[in-house]
Amino acid sequence: MVDSICHLSHGQLGLQSVIELLACLGNDVRLPSSRITELLAPLDKRMGESLTLLTRAR
């Protein structure tokens, strides 16, 4: 359980870093960073919700 929480937490931090980086990079003609951010946001939200549920399951 502890390993799962740590793994999920690190994954979420990495995903948030990518989202922040994309926001700083601006838009690319082929695939705007704002679109990539939109695509990753639901995953970030799900990871956050999962982490919250796991921390309550102790």
PDB file of N, CA and C in Angstrom:
ATOM      1  N   MET A   1       0.826  -1.190   0.000  1.00  0.00           N
ATOM      2  CA  MET A   1       0.000   0.000   0.000  1.00  0.00           C
ATOM      3  C   MET A   1       0.871   1.255   0.000  1.00  0.00           C
ATOM      4  N   VAL A   2       1.880   1.286   0.869  1.00  0.00           N
ATOM      5  CA  VAL A   2       2.755   2.461   0.951  1.00  0.00           C
ATOM      6  C   VAL A   2       3.490   2.668  -0.365  1.00  0.00           C
ATOM      7  N   ASP A   3       3.966   1.580  -0.962  1.00  0.00           N
ATOM      8  CA  ASP A   3       4.659   1.691  -2.249  1.00  0.00           C
ATOM      9  C   ASP A   3       3.735   2.246  -3.320  1.00  0.00           C
ATOM     10  N   SER A   4       2.475   1.826  -3.311  1.00  0.00           N
ATOM     11  CA  SER A   4       1.509   2.322  -4.295  1.00  0.00           C
ATOM     12  C   SER A   4       1.282   3.818  -4.140  1.00  0.00           C
ATOM     13  N   ILE A   5       1.151   4.261  -2.900  1.00  0.00           N
ATOM     14  CA  ILE A   5       0.940   5.683  -2.639  1.00  0.00           C
ATOM     15  C   ILE A   5       2.142   6.496  -3.106  1.00  0.00           C
ATOM     16  N   CYS A   6       3.341   6.025  -2.779  1.00  0.00           N
ATOM     17  CA  CYS A   6       4.560   6.743  -3.196  1.00  0.00           C
ATOM     18  C   CYS A   6       4.678   6.787  -4.712  1.00  0.00           C
ATOM     19  N   HIS A   7       4.408   5.664  -5.363  1.00  0.00           N
ATOM     20  CA  HIS A   7       4.502   5.600  -6.823  1.00  0.00           C
ATOM     21  C   HIS A   7       3.498   6.556  -7.468  1.00  0.00           C
ATOM     22  N   LEU A   8       2.268   6.538  -6.987  1.00  0.00           N
ATOM     23  CA  LEU A   8       1.235   7.412  -7.531  1.00  0.00           C
ATOM     24  C   LEU A   8       1.565   8.880  -7.278  1.00  0.00           C
ATOM     25  N   SER A   9       2.078   9.168  -6.108  1.00  0.00           N
ATOM     26  CA  SER A   9       2.444  10.541  -5.758  1.00  0.00           C
ATOM     27  C   SER A   9       3.547  11.061  -6.670  1.00  0.00           C
ATOM     28  N   HIS A  10       4.574  10.245  -6.910  1.00  0.00           N
ATOM     29  CA  HIS A  10       5.653  10.662  -7.796  1.00  0.00           C
ATOM     30  C   HIS A  10       5.149  10.839  -9.226  1.00  0.00           C
ATOM     31  N   GLY A  11       4.251   9.961  -9.653  1.00  0.00           N
ATOM     32  CA  GLY A  11       3.683  10.074 -10.989  1.00  0.00           C
ATOM     33  C   GLY A  11       2.897  11.358 -11.155  1.00  0.00           C
ATOM     34  N   GLN A  12       2.145  11.706 -10.129  1.00  0.00           N
ATOM     35  CA  GLN A  12       1.358  12.939 -10.209  1.00  0.00           C
ATOM     36  C   GLN A  12       2.260  14.161 -10.231  1.00  0.00           C
ATOM     37  N   LEU A  13       3.306  14.157  -9.430  1.00  0.00           N
ATOM     38  CA  LEU A  13       4.240  15.288  -9.433  1.00  0.00           C
ATOM     39  C   LEU A  13       4.896  15.438 -10.806  1.00  0.00           C
ATOM     40  N   GLY A  14       5.252  14.322 -11.417  1.00  0.00           N
ATOM     41  CA  GLY A  14       5.849  14.364 -12.747  1.00  0.00           C
ATOM     42  C   GLY A  14       4.878  14.908 -13.778  1.00  0.00           C
ATOM     43  N   LEU A  15       3.627  14.472 -13.694  1.00  0.00           N
ATOM     44  CA  LEU A  15       2.613  14.942 -14.626  1.00  0.00           C
ATOM     45  C   LEU A  15       2.364  16.431 -14.445  1.00  0.00           C
ATOM     46  N   GLN A  16       2.301  16.892 -13.213  1.00  0.00           N
ATOM     47  CA  GLN A  16       2.108  18.317 -12.961  1.00  0.00           C
ATOM     48  C   GLN A  16       3.279  19.131 -13.507  1.00  0.00           C
ATOM     49  N   SER A  17       4.487  18.603 -13.401  1.00  0.00           N
ATOM     50  CA  SER A  17       5.656  19.292 -13.943  1.00  0.00           C
ATOM     51  C   SER A  17       5.565  19.429 -15.453  1.00  0.00           C
ATOM     52  N   VAL A  18       5.114  18.366 -16.111  1.00  0.00           N
ATOM     53  CA  VAL A  18       4.962  18.407 -17.565  1.00  0.00           C
ATOM     54  C   VAL A  18       3.915  19.450 -17.957  1.00  0.00           C
ATOM     55  N   ILE A  19       2.799  19.472 -17.230  1.00  0.00           N
ATOM     56  CA  ILE A  19       1.745  20.441 -17.525  1.00  0.00           C
ATOM     57  C   ILE A  19       2.272  21.867 -17.354  1.00  0.00           C
ATOM     58  N   GLU A  20       3.015  22.113 -16.287  1.00  0.00           N
ATOM     59  CA  GLU A  20       3.578  23.448 -16.054  1.00  0.00           C
ATOM     60  C   GLU A  20       4.588  23.822 -17.138  1.00  0.00           C
ATOM     61  N   LEU A  21       5.408  22.869 -17.549  1.00  0.00           N
ATOM     62  CA  LEU A  21       6.383  23.116 -18.606  1.00  0.00           C
ATOM     63  C   LEU A  21       5.681  23.475 -19.907  1.00  0.00           C
ATOM     64  N   LEU A  22       4.642  22.723 -20.249  1.00  0.00           N
ATOM     65  CA  LEU A  22       3.901  23.006 -21.480  1.00  0.00           C
ATOM     66  C   LEU A  22       3.267  24.384 -21.443  1.00  0.00           C
ATOM     67  N   ALA A  23       2.782  24.782 -20.274  1.00  0.00           N
ATOM     68  CA  ALA A  23       2.183  26.111 -20.146  1.00  0.00           C
ATOM     69  C   ALA A  23       3.228  27.197 -20.395  1.00  0.00           C
ATOM     70  N   CYS A  24       4.474  26.935 -20.009  1.00  0.00           N
ATOM     71  CA  CYS A  24       5.550  27.912 -20.211  1.00  0.00           C
ATOM     72  C   CYS A  24       6.042  27.952 -21.656  1.00  0.00           C
ATOM     73  N   LEU A  25       5.922  26.855 -22.357  1.00  0.00           N
ATOM     74  CA  LEU A  25       6.466  26.763 -23.719  1.00  0.00           C
ATOM     75  C   LEU A  25       5.643  27.510 -24.756  1.00  0.00           C
ATOM     76  N   GLY A  26       4.399  27.757 -24.462  1.00  0.00           N
ATOM     77  CA  GLY A  26       3.552  28.413 -25.449  1.00  0.00           C
ATOM     78  C   GLY A  26       2.985  27.411 -26.427  1.00  0.00           C
ATOM     79  N   ASN A  27       2.608  27.884 -27.570  1.00  0.00           N
ATOM     80  CA  ASN A  27       1.929  27.027 -28.543  1.00  0.00           C
ATOM     81  C   ASN A  27       2.842  26.618 -29.690  1.00  0.00           C
ATOM     82  N   ASP A  28       2.667  25.403 -30.108  1.00  0.00           N
ATOM     83  CA  ASP A  28       3.338  24.849 -31.268  1.00  0.00           C
ATOM     84  C   ASP A  28       2.290  24.807 -32.376  1.00  0.00           C
ATOM     85  N   VAL A  29       2.689  25.074 -33.590  1.00  0.00           N
ATOM     86  CA  VAL A  29       1.747  25.121 -34.698  1.00  0.00           C
ATOM     87  C   VAL A  29       1.054  23.774 -34.894  1.00  0.00           C
ATOM     88  N   ARG A  30       1.796  22.689 -34.721  1.00  0.00           N
ATOM     89  CA  ARG A  30       1.231  21.363 -34.977  1.00  0.00           C
ATOM     90  C   ARG A  30       0.285  20.907 -33.867  1.00  0.00           C
ATOM     91  N   LEU A  31       0.666  21.119 -32.617  1.00  0.00           N
ATOM     92  CA  LEU A  31      -0.164  20.712 -31.490  1.00  0.00           C
ATOM     93  C   LEU A  31       0.041  21.723 -30.371  1.00  0.00           C
ATOM     94  N   PRO A  32      -0.892  22.625 -30.200  1.00  0.00           N
ATOM     95  CA  PRO A  32      -0.735  23.666 -29.188  1.00  0.00           C
ATOM     96  C   PRO A  32      -0.538  23.067 -27.793  1.00  0.00           C
ATOM     97  N   SER A  33       0.364  23.682 -27.037  1.00  0.00           N
ATOM     98  CA  SER A  33       0.613  23.189 -25.682  1.00  0.00           C
ATOM     99  C   SER A  33      -0.651  23.252 -24.842  1.00  0.00           C
ATOM    100  N   SER A  34      -1.512  24.218 -25.135  1.00  0.00           N
ATOM    101  CA  SER A  34      -2.765  24.297 -24.379  1.00  0.00           C
ATOM    102  C   SER A  34      -3.626  23.054 -24.624  1.00  0.00           C
ATOM    103  N   ARG A  35      -3.561  22.514 -25.817  1.00  0.00           N
ATOM    104  CA  ARG A  35      -4.324  21.288 -26.127  1.00  0.00           C
ATOM    105  C   ARG A  35      -3.725  20.098 -25.395  1.00  0.00           C
ATOM    106  N   ILE A  36      -2.410  20.004 -25.358  1.00  0.00           N
ATOM    107  CA  ILE A  36      -1.756  18.918 -24.624  1.00  0.00           C
ATOM    108  C   ILE A  36      -2.112  19.011 -23.143  1.00  0.00           C
ATOM    109  N   THR A  37      -2.098  20.224 -22.614  1.00  0.00           N
ATOM    110  CA  THR A  37      -2.463  20.436 -21.219  1.00  0.00           C
ATOM    111  C   THR A  37      -3.900  19.986 -20.972  1.00  0.00           C
ATOM    112  N   GLU A  38      -4.800  20.326 -21.888  1.00  0.00           N
ATOM    113  CA  GLU A  38      -6.195  19.894 -21.759  1.00  0.00           C
ATOM    114  C   GLU A  38      -6.303  18.376 -21.761  1.00  0.00           C
ATOM    115  N   LEU A  39      -5.501  17.725 -22.593  1.00  0.00           N
ATOM    116  CA  LEU A  39      -5.545  16.266 -22.672  1.00  0.00           C
ATOM    117  C   LEU A  39      -5.005  15.602 -21.402  1.00  0.00           C
ATOM    118  N   LEU A  40      -4.009  16.224 -20.773  1.00  0.00           N
ATOM    119  CA  LEU A  40      -3.403  15.644 -19.574  1.00  0.00           C
ATOM    120  C   LEU A  40      -4.161  15.988 -18.289  1.00  0.00           C
ATOM    121  N   ALA A  41      -4.939  17.042 -18.299  1.00  0.00           N
ATOM    122  CA  ALA A  41      -5.633  17.489 -17.084  1.00  0.00           C
ATOM    123  C   ALA A  41      -6.552  16.422 -16.473  1.00  0.00           C
ATOM    124  N   PRO A  42      -7.362  15.703 -17.259  1.00  0.00           N
ATOM    125  CA  PRO A  42      -8.208  14.675 -16.650  1.00  0.00           C
ATOM    126  C   PRO A  42      -7.391  13.562 -15.972  1.00  0.00           C
ATOM    127  N   LEU A  43      -6.274  13.213 -16.579  1.00  0.00           N
ATOM    128  CA  LEU A  43      -5.402  12.202 -15.973  1.00  0.00           C
ATOM    129  C   LEU A  43      -4.834  12.705 -14.660  1.00  0.00           C
ATOM    130  N   ASP A  44      -4.423  13.949 -14.642  1.00  0.00           N
ATOM    131  CA  ASP A  44      -3.902  14.549 -13.413  1.00  0.00           C
ATOM    132  C   ASP A  44      -4.967  14.538 -12.325  1.00  0.00           C
ATOM    133  N   LYS A  45      -6.182  14.871 -12.692  1.00  0.00           N
ATOM    134  CA  LYS A  45      -7.282  14.885 -11.722  1.00  0.00           C
ATOM    135  C   LYS A  45      -7.540  13.486 -11.180  1.00  0.00           C
ATOM    136  N   ARG A  46      -7.568  12.490 -12.066  1.00  0.00           N
ATOM    137  CA  ARG A  46      -7.802  11.105 -11.626  1.00  0.00           C
ATOM    138  C   ARG A  46      -6.693  10.616 -10.709  1.00  0.00           C
ATOM    139  N   MET A  47      -5.460  10.974 -11.030  1.00  0.00           N
ATOM    140  CA  MET A  47      -4.341  10.561 -10.184  1.00  0.00           C
ATOM    141  C   MET A  47      -4.465  11.204  -8.807  1.00  0.00           C
ATOM    142  N   GLY A  48      -4.864  12.465  -8.767  1.00  0.00           N
ATOM    143  CA  GLY A  48      -5.050  13.147  -7.493  1.00  0.00           C
ATOM    144  C   GLY A  48      -6.145  12.503  -6.663  1.00  0.00           C
ATOM    145  N   GLU A  49      -7.250  12.160  -7.315  1.00  0.00           N
ATOM    146  CA  GLU A  49      -8.356  11.503  -6.611  1.00  0.00           C
ATOM    147  C   GLU A  49      -7.932  10.129  -6.100  1.00  0.00           C
ATOM    148  N   SER A  50      -7.185   9.391  -6.910  1.00  0.00           N
ATOM    149  CA  SER A  50      -6.710   8.066  -6.489  1.00  0.00           C
ATOM    150  C   SER A  50      -5.779   8.169  -5.298  1.00  0.00           C
ATOM    151  N   LEU A  51      -4.897   9.146  -5.339  1.00  0.00           N
ATOM    152  CA  LEU A  51      -3.968   9.339  -4.228  1.00  0.00           C
ATOM    153  C   LEU A  51      -4.730   9.672  -2.950  1.00  0.00           C
ATOM    154  N   THR A  52      -5.747  10.505  -3.057  1.00  0.00           N
ATOM    155  CA  THR A  52      -6.554  10.850  -1.888  1.00  0.00           C
ATOM    156  C   THR A  52      -7.232   9.614  -1.326  1.00  0.00           C
ATOM    157  N   LEU A  53      -7.805   8.786  -2.190  1.00  0.00           N
ATOM    158  CA  LEU A  53      -8.458   7.562  -1.734  1.00  0.00           C
ATOM    159  C   LEU A  53      -7.476   6.591  -1.093  1.00  0.00           C
ATOM    160  N   LEU A  54      -6.296   6.471  -1.682  1.00  0.00           N
ATOM    161  CA  LEU A  54      -5.295   5.563  -1.117  1.00  0.00           C
ATOM    162  C   LEU A  54      -4.812   6.022   0.248  1.00  0.00           C
ATOM    163  N   THR A  55      -4.650   7.315   0.424  1.00  0.00           N
ATOM    164  CA  THR A  55      -4.164   7.799   1.716  1.00  0.00           C
ATOM    165  C   THR A  55      -5.215   7.628   2.809  1.00  0.00           C
ATOM    166  N   ARG A  56      -6.492   7.603   2.431  1.00  0.00           N
ATOM    167  CA  ARG A  56      -7.554   7.359   3.401  1.00  0.00           C
ATOM    168  C   ARG A  56      -7.669   5.878   3.776  1.00  0.00           C
ATOM    169  N   ALA A  57      -7.158   4.994   2.907  1.00  0.00           N
ATOM    170  CA  ALA A  57      -7.332   3.546   3.097  1.00  0.00           C
ATOM    171  C   ALA A  57      -6.344   2.938   4.083  1.00  0.00           C
ATOM    172  N   ARG A  58      -5.544   3.746   4.715  1.00  0.00           N
ATOM    173  CA  ARG A  58      -4.566   3.205   5.647  1.00  0.00           C
ATOM    174  C   ARG A  58      -5.254   2.413   6.668  1.00  0.00           C
TER     175      ARG A  58
END
